[in-house]
């Protein structure tokens, strides 16, 4: 497990507003027993974050899994195909975690461990600048 699995600070302050929220998610997933390989914030329009992980109880060792959060649809999980900071993450076999746009860390871990699967929902648009999302995200910083 990578000891620096929390996302690095992002140089774009508007994207970095996600830092505290995603860091809490990483820590909760680790507490839930998932092995976090790496995470990052990026890109924008919509802003998103990626957490690459594996599940120690899973017998699939050749697949990397990833969670991706974006400011439109919340968390989704799938098999990691590609991506890095600056390049949007590509997943296959995508399922949406549900629970709202800003699922708390422990609830997120529980949903991942339970293989939650809900229909995709759009909670907002990236153009919704004064809807309270940034204030809610800043509460995690």
N, C-alpha and C. Protein backbone atom coordinates (compact mmCIF):
# COMPACT_ATOMS: atom_id res chain seq x y z
N UNK A 1 0.85 -1.19 0.00
CA UNK A 1 0.00 0.00 0.00
C UNK A 1 0.88 1.24 0.00
N UNK A 2 0.54 2.20 -0.79
CA UNK A 2 1.28 3.44 -0.89
C UNK A 2 0.96 4.33 0.30
N UNK A 3 2.00 4.72 1.03
CA UNK A 3 1.78 5.56 2.22
C UNK A 3 1.38 6.99 1.84
N UNK A 4 1.62 7.39 0.59
CA UNK A 4 1.21 8.71 0.14
C UNK A 4 0.02 8.57 -0.81
N UNK A 5 -0.95 7.80 -0.40
CA UNK A 5 -2.09 7.50 -1.26
C UNK A 5 -3.11 8.63 -1.32
N UNK A 6 -3.00 9.61 -0.43
CA UNK A 6 -3.92 10.74 -0.50
C UNK A 6 -3.53 11.63 -1.67
N UNK A 7 -4.48 12.36 -2.21
CA UNK A 7 -4.17 13.15 -3.41
C UNK A 7 -3.22 14.29 -3.09
N UNK A 8 -2.28 14.56 -4.00
CA UNK A 8 -1.43 15.74 -3.81
C UNK A 8 -2.26 17.02 -3.99
N UNK A 9 -1.76 18.09 -3.43
CA UNK A 9 -2.41 19.39 -3.60
C UNK A 9 -2.40 19.72 -5.09
N UNK A 10 -3.53 20.20 -5.58
CA UNK A 10 -3.64 20.55 -7.00
C UNK A 10 -3.28 22.02 -7.18
N UNK A 11 -2.54 22.37 -8.23
CA UNK A 11 -2.15 23.76 -8.43
C UNK A 11 -3.30 24.72 -8.74
N UNK A 12 -4.39 24.20 -9.27
CA UNK A 12 -5.57 25.03 -9.56
C UNK A 12 -6.42 25.09 -8.29
N UNK A 13 -6.52 26.26 -7.69
CA UNK A 13 -7.24 26.40 -6.41
C UNK A 13 -8.69 25.96 -6.51
N UNK A 14 -9.32 26.17 -7.64
CA UNK A 14 -10.72 25.78 -7.80
C UNK A 14 -10.87 24.27 -7.80
N UNK A 15 -9.93 23.56 -8.41
CA UNK A 15 -9.93 22.09 -8.38
C UNK A 15 -9.53 21.61 -6.99
N UNK A 16 -8.59 22.29 -6.36
CA UNK A 16 -8.08 21.86 -5.05
C UNK A 16 -9.13 21.96 -3.94
N UNK A 17 -10.24 22.62 -4.19
CA UNK A 17 -11.34 22.66 -3.22
C UNK A 17 -11.79 21.23 -2.88
N UNK A 18 -11.57 20.28 -3.79
CA UNK A 18 -11.93 18.88 -3.56
C UNK A 18 -10.99 18.15 -2.60
N UNK A 19 -9.84 18.71 -2.32
CA UNK A 19 -8.77 18.00 -1.61
C UNK A 19 -9.20 17.38 -0.28
N UNK A 20 -9.80 18.14 0.58
CA UNK A 20 -10.20 17.63 1.89
C UNK A 20 -11.23 16.52 1.79
N UNK A 21 -12.19 16.69 0.91
CA UNK A 21 -13.24 15.68 0.73
C UNK A 21 -12.65 14.37 0.22
N UNK A 22 -11.81 14.45 -0.79
CA UNK A 22 -11.22 13.23 -1.37
C UNK A 22 -10.24 12.59 -0.40
N UNK A 23 -9.50 13.41 0.35
CA UNK A 23 -8.59 12.86 1.36
C UNK A 23 -9.37 12.08 2.41
N UNK A 24 -10.52 12.61 2.86
CA UNK A 24 -11.34 11.87 3.82
C UNK A 24 -11.84 10.57 3.22
N UNK A 25 -12.22 10.60 1.95
CA UNK A 25 -12.68 9.38 1.28
C UNK A 25 -11.56 8.34 1.24
N UNK A 26 -10.35 8.74 0.89
CA UNK A 26 -9.21 7.82 0.85
C UNK A 26 -8.99 7.20 2.21
N UNK A 27 -8.98 8.01 3.25
CA UNK A 27 -8.73 7.50 4.61
C UNK A 27 -9.83 6.53 5.05
N UNK A 28 -11.07 6.84 4.72
CA UNK A 28 -12.17 5.96 5.10
C UNK A 28 -12.11 4.64 4.33
N UNK A 29 -11.75 4.69 3.07
CA UNK A 29 -11.62 3.47 2.28
C UNK A 29 -10.49 2.60 2.83
N UNK A 30 -9.38 3.23 3.22
CA UNK A 30 -8.28 2.47 3.83
C UNK A 30 -8.74 1.85 5.14
N UNK A 31 -9.47 2.60 5.95
CA UNK A 31 -9.99 2.07 7.22
C UNK A 31 -10.94 0.91 6.98
N UNK A 32 -11.64 0.92 5.84
CA UNK A 32 -12.56 -0.15 5.50
C UNK A 32 -11.87 -1.38 4.94
N UNK A 33 -10.55 -1.33 4.81
CA UNK A 33 -9.80 -2.50 4.36
C UNK A 33 -9.39 -2.50 2.91
N UNK A 34 -9.71 -1.45 2.17
CA UNK A 34 -9.29 -1.39 0.78
C UNK A 34 -7.84 -0.92 0.69
N UNK A 35 -7.14 -1.40 -0.30
CA UNK A 35 -5.74 -1.04 -0.51
C UNK A 35 -5.69 0.09 -1.55
N UNK A 36 -5.34 1.27 -1.09
CA UNK A 36 -5.32 2.45 -1.98
C UNK A 36 -3.95 2.56 -2.61
N UNK A 37 -3.93 2.57 -3.92
CA UNK A 37 -2.67 2.67 -4.65
C UNK A 37 -2.24 4.12 -4.84
N UNK A 38 -3.19 4.92 -5.33
CA UNK A 38 -2.90 6.34 -5.57
C UNK A 38 -4.22 7.08 -5.78
N UNK A 39 -4.14 8.40 -5.71
CA UNK A 39 -5.32 9.23 -5.97
C UNK A 39 -4.86 10.58 -6.47
N UNK A 40 -5.75 11.26 -7.17
CA UNK A 40 -5.44 12.59 -7.68
C UNK A 40 -6.72 13.35 -7.95
N UNK A 41 -6.55 14.66 -8.06
CA UNK A 41 -7.64 15.59 -8.40
C UNK A 41 -7.39 16.06 -9.82
N UNK A 42 -8.41 16.08 -10.65
CA UNK A 42 -8.23 16.61 -11.99
C UNK A 42 -9.08 15.85 -12.97
N UNK A 43 -9.43 16.33 -14.06
CA UNK A 43 -9.33 17.73 -14.49
C UNK A 43 -10.58 18.52 -14.10
N UNK A 44 -10.96 19.47 -14.92
CA UNK A 44 -12.14 20.28 -14.62
C UNK A 44 -13.13 20.22 -15.77
N UNK A 45 -14.32 20.76 -15.50
CA UNK A 45 -15.44 20.81 -16.46
C UNK A 45 -15.91 19.42 -16.87
N UNK A 46 -16.35 18.58 -15.98
CA UNK A 46 -16.49 18.83 -14.55
C UNK A 46 -15.21 18.49 -13.78
N UNK A 47 -15.12 19.11 -12.59
CA UNK A 47 -14.03 18.76 -11.69
C UNK A 47 -14.23 17.32 -11.27
N UNK A 48 -13.13 16.59 -11.17
CA UNK A 48 -13.26 15.22 -10.71
C UNK A 48 -12.03 14.77 -9.94
N UNK A 49 -12.13 13.60 -9.36
CA UNK A 49 -11.04 13.00 -8.58
C UNK A 49 -11.08 11.51 -8.81
N UNK A 50 -9.91 10.88 -8.73
CA UNK A 50 -9.78 9.44 -8.94
C UNK A 50 -9.05 8.81 -7.78
N UNK A 51 -9.52 7.64 -7.35
CA UNK A 51 -8.86 6.83 -6.33
C UNK A 51 -8.69 5.44 -6.93
N UNK A 52 -7.45 5.03 -7.14
CA UNK A 52 -7.15 3.69 -7.68
C UNK A 52 -6.91 2.78 -6.48
N UNK A 53 -7.58 1.62 -6.47
CA UNK A 53 -7.52 0.75 -5.30
C UNK A 53 -7.65 -0.72 -5.68
N UNK A 54 -7.43 -1.57 -4.71
CA UNK A 54 -7.74 -2.99 -4.86
C UNK A 54 -8.42 -3.46 -3.59
N UNK A 55 -9.14 -4.54 -3.73
CA UNK A 55 -9.87 -5.12 -2.61
C UNK A 55 -9.15 -6.41 -2.23
N UNK A 56 -8.59 -6.49 -1.02
CA UNK A 56 -7.80 -7.66 -0.65
C UNK A 56 -8.60 -8.96 -0.65
N UNK A 57 -9.90 -8.89 -0.53
CA UNK A 57 -10.71 -10.12 -0.53
C UNK A 57 -11.05 -10.59 -1.93
N UNK A 58 -10.85 -9.71 -2.92
CA UNK A 58 -11.17 -10.08 -4.30
C UNK A 58 -10.09 -11.01 -4.84
N UNK A 59 -10.49 -11.96 -5.63
CA UNK A 59 -9.55 -12.90 -6.24
C UNK A 59 -9.05 -12.44 -7.60
N UNK A 60 -9.35 -11.21 -7.96
CA UNK A 60 -8.94 -10.68 -9.25
C UNK A 60 -7.72 -9.80 -9.02
N UNK A 61 -6.55 -10.32 -9.30
CA UNK A 61 -5.33 -9.58 -9.03
C UNK A 61 -4.82 -8.82 -10.25
N UNK A 62 -5.33 -9.10 -11.42
CA UNK A 62 -4.83 -8.44 -12.62
C UNK A 62 -5.59 -7.15 -12.94
N UNK A 63 -6.70 -6.91 -12.29
CA UNK A 63 -7.50 -5.72 -12.55
C UNK A 63 -7.27 -4.68 -11.46
N UNK A 64 -7.05 -3.45 -11.88
CA UNK A 64 -7.04 -2.34 -10.95
C UNK A 64 -8.44 -1.74 -10.96
N UNK A 65 -8.94 -1.45 -9.79
CA UNK A 65 -10.24 -0.81 -9.65
C UNK A 65 -10.03 0.67 -9.38
N UNK A 66 -11.03 1.45 -9.66
CA UNK A 66 -10.94 2.88 -9.37
C UNK A 66 -12.31 3.43 -9.04
N UNK A 67 -12.30 4.41 -8.16
CA UNK A 67 -13.47 5.23 -7.88
C UNK A 67 -13.21 6.59 -8.51
N UNK A 68 -14.20 7.12 -9.17
CA UNK A 68 -14.10 8.46 -9.73
C UNK A 68 -15.28 9.27 -9.19
N UNK A 69 -14.98 10.45 -8.67
CA UNK A 69 -16.02 11.38 -8.23
C UNK A 69 -16.01 12.54 -9.21
N UNK A 70 -17.18 12.98 -9.63
CA UNK A 70 -17.26 14.24 -10.36
C UNK A 70 -18.41 15.06 -9.81
N UNK A 71 -18.33 16.35 -10.05
CA UNK A 71 -19.27 17.29 -9.46
C UNK A 71 -20.65 17.25 -10.07
N UNK A 72 -20.87 16.41 -11.05
CA UNK A 72 -22.18 16.27 -11.67
C UNK A 72 -22.90 15.04 -11.12
N UNK A 73 -22.23 13.88 -11.13
CA UNK A 73 -22.90 12.61 -10.83
C UNK A 73 -22.40 11.90 -9.58
N UNK A 74 -21.46 12.48 -8.86
CA UNK A 74 -20.96 11.84 -7.64
C UNK A 74 -20.00 10.70 -7.94
N UNK A 75 -20.05 9.65 -7.12
CA UNK A 75 -19.09 8.55 -7.19
C UNK A 75 -19.54 7.43 -8.13
N UNK A 76 -18.59 6.93 -8.90
CA UNK A 76 -18.77 5.72 -9.70
C UNK A 76 -17.54 4.85 -9.53
N UNK A 77 -17.72 3.57 -9.76
CA UNK A 77 -16.65 2.60 -9.58
C UNK A 77 -16.54 1.75 -10.83
N UNK A 78 -15.34 1.30 -11.13
CA UNK A 78 -15.15 0.43 -12.28
C UNK A 78 -13.73 -0.07 -12.38
N UNK A 79 -13.45 -0.78 -13.44
CA UNK A 79 -12.10 -1.25 -13.70
C UNK A 79 -11.31 -0.12 -14.34
N UNK A 80 -10.16 0.19 -13.75
CA UNK A 80 -9.31 1.28 -14.22
C UNK A 80 -8.70 0.91 -15.56
N UNK A 81 -8.92 1.76 -16.55
CA UNK A 81 -8.33 1.55 -17.87
C UNK A 81 -7.15 2.48 -18.12
N UNK A 82 -7.34 3.77 -17.81
CA UNK A 82 -6.28 4.75 -18.01
C UNK A 82 -6.65 6.03 -17.29
N UNK A 83 -5.65 6.90 -17.16
CA UNK A 83 -5.87 8.20 -16.56
C UNK A 83 -4.73 8.58 -15.65
N UNK A 84 -4.60 9.87 -15.43
CA UNK A 84 -3.63 10.43 -14.51
C UNK A 84 -3.99 11.89 -14.35
N UNK A 85 -3.30 12.57 -13.45
CA UNK A 85 -3.61 13.98 -13.27
C UNK A 85 -3.42 14.69 -14.61
N UNK A 86 -4.45 15.40 -15.02
CA UNK A 86 -4.43 16.11 -16.29
C UNK A 86 -5.09 15.36 -17.43
N UNK A 87 -5.34 14.06 -17.24
CA UNK A 87 -5.98 13.24 -18.27
C UNK A 87 -7.16 12.52 -17.61
N UNK A 88 -8.34 12.72 -18.14
CA UNK A 88 -9.56 12.16 -17.55
C UNK A 88 -9.46 10.64 -17.45
N UNK A 89 -9.89 10.11 -16.32
CA UNK A 89 -9.86 8.68 -16.05
C UNK A 89 -10.89 7.95 -16.89
N UNK A 90 -10.48 6.82 -17.44
CA UNK A 90 -11.35 5.95 -18.21
C UNK A 90 -11.56 4.67 -17.42
N UNK A 91 -12.83 4.28 -17.24
CA UNK A 91 -13.20 3.07 -16.53
C UNK A 91 -14.00 2.17 -17.45
N UNK A 92 -13.98 0.87 -17.17
CA UNK A 92 -14.91 -0.06 -17.80
C UNK A 92 -15.74 -0.69 -16.70
N UNK A 93 -16.84 -1.31 -17.07
CA UNK A 93 -17.73 -1.97 -16.11
C UNK A 93 -18.15 -1.01 -15.00
N UNK A 94 -18.62 0.15 -15.37
CA UNK A 94 -18.94 1.23 -14.43
C UNK A 94 -20.25 0.97 -13.70
N UNK A 95 -20.23 1.19 -12.39
CA UNK A 95 -21.44 1.23 -11.57
C UNK A 95 -21.41 2.52 -10.76
N UNK A 96 -22.58 3.09 -10.55
CA UNK A 96 -22.68 4.30 -9.74
C UNK A 96 -22.97 3.91 -8.30
N UNK A 97 -22.29 4.56 -7.38
CA UNK A 97 -22.35 4.21 -5.96
C UNK A 97 -23.63 4.71 -5.30
N UNK A 98 -24.14 5.86 -5.74
CA UNK A 98 -25.35 6.43 -5.16
C UNK A 98 -25.08 7.09 -3.81
N UNK A 99 -26.13 7.48 -3.15
CA UNK A 99 -26.00 8.09 -1.83
C UNK A 99 -25.92 9.61 -1.84
N UNK A 100 -25.97 10.22 -3.00
CA UNK A 100 -25.90 11.67 -3.08
C UNK A 100 -24.59 12.14 -3.67
N UNK A 101 -24.48 13.43 -3.83
CA UNK A 101 -23.29 14.02 -4.44
C UNK A 101 -22.08 13.97 -3.51
N UNK A 102 -22.29 14.25 -2.25
CA UNK A 102 -21.18 14.27 -1.29
C UNK A 102 -21.40 13.20 -0.22
N UNK A 103 -21.18 11.96 -0.58
CA UNK A 103 -21.31 10.85 0.36
C UNK A 103 -20.17 10.94 1.35
N UNK A 104 -20.46 10.82 2.65
CA UNK A 104 -19.41 10.82 3.66
C UNK A 104 -18.49 9.63 3.48
N UNK A 105 -17.26 9.76 3.96
CA UNK A 105 -16.24 8.74 3.76
C UNK A 105 -16.62 7.35 4.22
N UNK A 106 -17.16 7.23 5.42
CA UNK A 106 -17.51 5.90 5.94
C UNK A 106 -18.69 5.30 5.18
N UNK A 107 -19.65 6.14 4.80
CA UNK A 107 -20.76 5.63 3.99
C UNK A 107 -20.25 5.20 2.62
N UNK A 108 -19.33 5.96 2.03
CA UNK A 108 -18.75 5.59 0.75
C UNK A 108 -18.06 4.23 0.85
N UNK A 109 -17.24 4.04 1.88
CA UNK A 109 -16.56 2.76 2.06
C UNK A 109 -17.57 1.63 2.18
N UNK A 110 -18.62 1.83 2.95
CA UNK A 110 -19.65 0.81 3.10
C UNK A 110 -20.33 0.49 1.79
N UNK A 111 -20.59 1.52 0.99
CA UNK A 111 -21.25 1.30 -0.29
C UNK A 111 -20.33 0.55 -1.25
N UNK A 112 -19.04 0.88 -1.24
CA UNK A 112 -18.08 0.18 -2.10
C UNK A 112 -17.97 -1.28 -1.68
N UNK A 113 -17.84 -1.52 -0.38
CA UNK A 113 -17.70 -2.89 0.11
C UNK A 113 -18.96 -3.72 -0.13
N UNK A 114 -20.12 -3.06 -0.19
CA UNK A 114 -21.39 -3.75 -0.44
C UNK A 114 -21.71 -3.83 -1.93
N UNK A 115 -20.80 -3.36 -2.78
CA UNK A 115 -21.02 -3.34 -4.23
C UNK A 115 -22.31 -2.61 -4.60
N UNK A 116 -22.52 -1.45 -3.98
CA UNK A 116 -23.72 -0.65 -4.28
C UNK A 116 -23.76 -0.33 -5.77
N UNK A 117 -24.96 -0.34 -6.31
CA UNK A 117 -25.15 -0.06 -7.72
C UNK A 117 -26.50 0.64 -7.88
N UNK A 118 -26.44 1.91 -8.21
CA UNK A 118 -27.66 2.69 -8.40
C UNK A 118 -27.63 3.33 -9.79
N UNK A 119 -28.76 3.75 -10.30
CA UNK A 119 -28.77 4.42 -11.60
C UNK A 119 -27.97 5.73 -11.54
N UNK A 120 -27.37 6.09 -12.67
CA UNK A 120 -26.65 7.37 -12.75
C UNK A 120 -27.65 8.50 -12.54
N UNK A 121 -27.24 9.47 -11.77
CA UNK A 121 -28.08 10.64 -11.51
C UNK A 121 -27.23 11.89 -11.67
N UNK A 122 -27.77 12.90 -12.29
CA UNK A 122 -27.08 14.19 -12.37
C UNK A 122 -27.62 15.08 -11.27
N UNK A 123 -26.74 15.44 -10.34
CA UNK A 123 -27.13 16.27 -9.20
C UNK A 123 -27.03 17.76 -9.50
N UNK A 124 -26.19 18.10 -10.45
CA UNK A 124 -25.96 19.50 -10.77
C UNK A 124 -25.20 19.59 -12.08
N UNK A 125 -24.89 20.80 -12.51
CA UNK A 125 -24.09 21.07 -13.70
C UNK A 125 -22.80 21.76 -13.26
N UNK A 126 -21.71 21.62 -14.00
CA UNK A 126 -20.49 22.35 -13.64
C UNK A 126 -20.67 23.86 -13.68
N UNK A 127 -21.69 24.32 -14.38
CA UNK A 127 -21.95 25.76 -14.46
C UNK A 127 -22.71 26.29 -13.25
N UNK A 128 -23.16 25.43 -12.35
CA UNK A 128 -23.89 25.85 -11.16
C UNK A 128 -22.89 26.36 -10.11
N UNK A 129 -22.51 27.62 -10.24
CA UNK A 129 -21.41 28.14 -9.42
C UNK A 129 -21.84 28.58 -8.02
N UNK A 130 -23.08 28.90 -7.81
CA UNK A 130 -23.51 29.42 -6.51
C UNK A 130 -24.55 28.53 -5.86
N UNK A 131 -24.38 27.23 -5.98
CA UNK A 131 -25.37 26.29 -5.45
C UNK A 131 -24.98 25.70 -4.09
N UNK A 132 -23.86 26.14 -3.52
CA UNK A 132 -23.43 25.67 -2.20
C UNK A 132 -22.45 24.52 -2.22
N UNK A 133 -22.15 23.94 -3.39
CA UNK A 133 -21.22 22.81 -3.44
C UNK A 133 -19.83 23.20 -2.96
N UNK A 134 -19.31 24.32 -3.44
CA UNK A 134 -17.97 24.71 -3.03
C UNK A 134 -17.89 24.98 -1.53
N UNK A 135 -18.93 25.58 -0.97
CA UNK A 135 -18.96 25.81 0.48
C UNK A 135 -18.95 24.48 1.23
N UNK A 136 -19.72 23.52 0.74
CA UNK A 136 -19.74 22.20 1.38
C UNK A 136 -18.38 21.52 1.26
N UNK A 137 -17.74 21.63 0.10
CA UNK A 137 -16.42 21.02 -0.07
C UNK A 137 -15.37 21.71 0.81
N UNK A 138 -15.46 23.01 0.93
CA UNK A 138 -14.50 23.74 1.77
C UNK A 138 -14.60 23.35 3.24
N UNK A 139 -15.75 22.85 3.65
CA UNK A 139 -15.91 22.41 5.05
C UNK A 139 -15.00 21.23 5.37
N UNK A 140 -14.57 20.48 4.36
CA UNK A 140 -13.65 19.36 4.56
C UNK A 140 -12.20 19.81 4.64
N UNK A 141 -11.89 21.04 4.23
CA UNK A 141 -10.50 21.52 4.22
C UNK A 141 -10.11 22.16 5.53
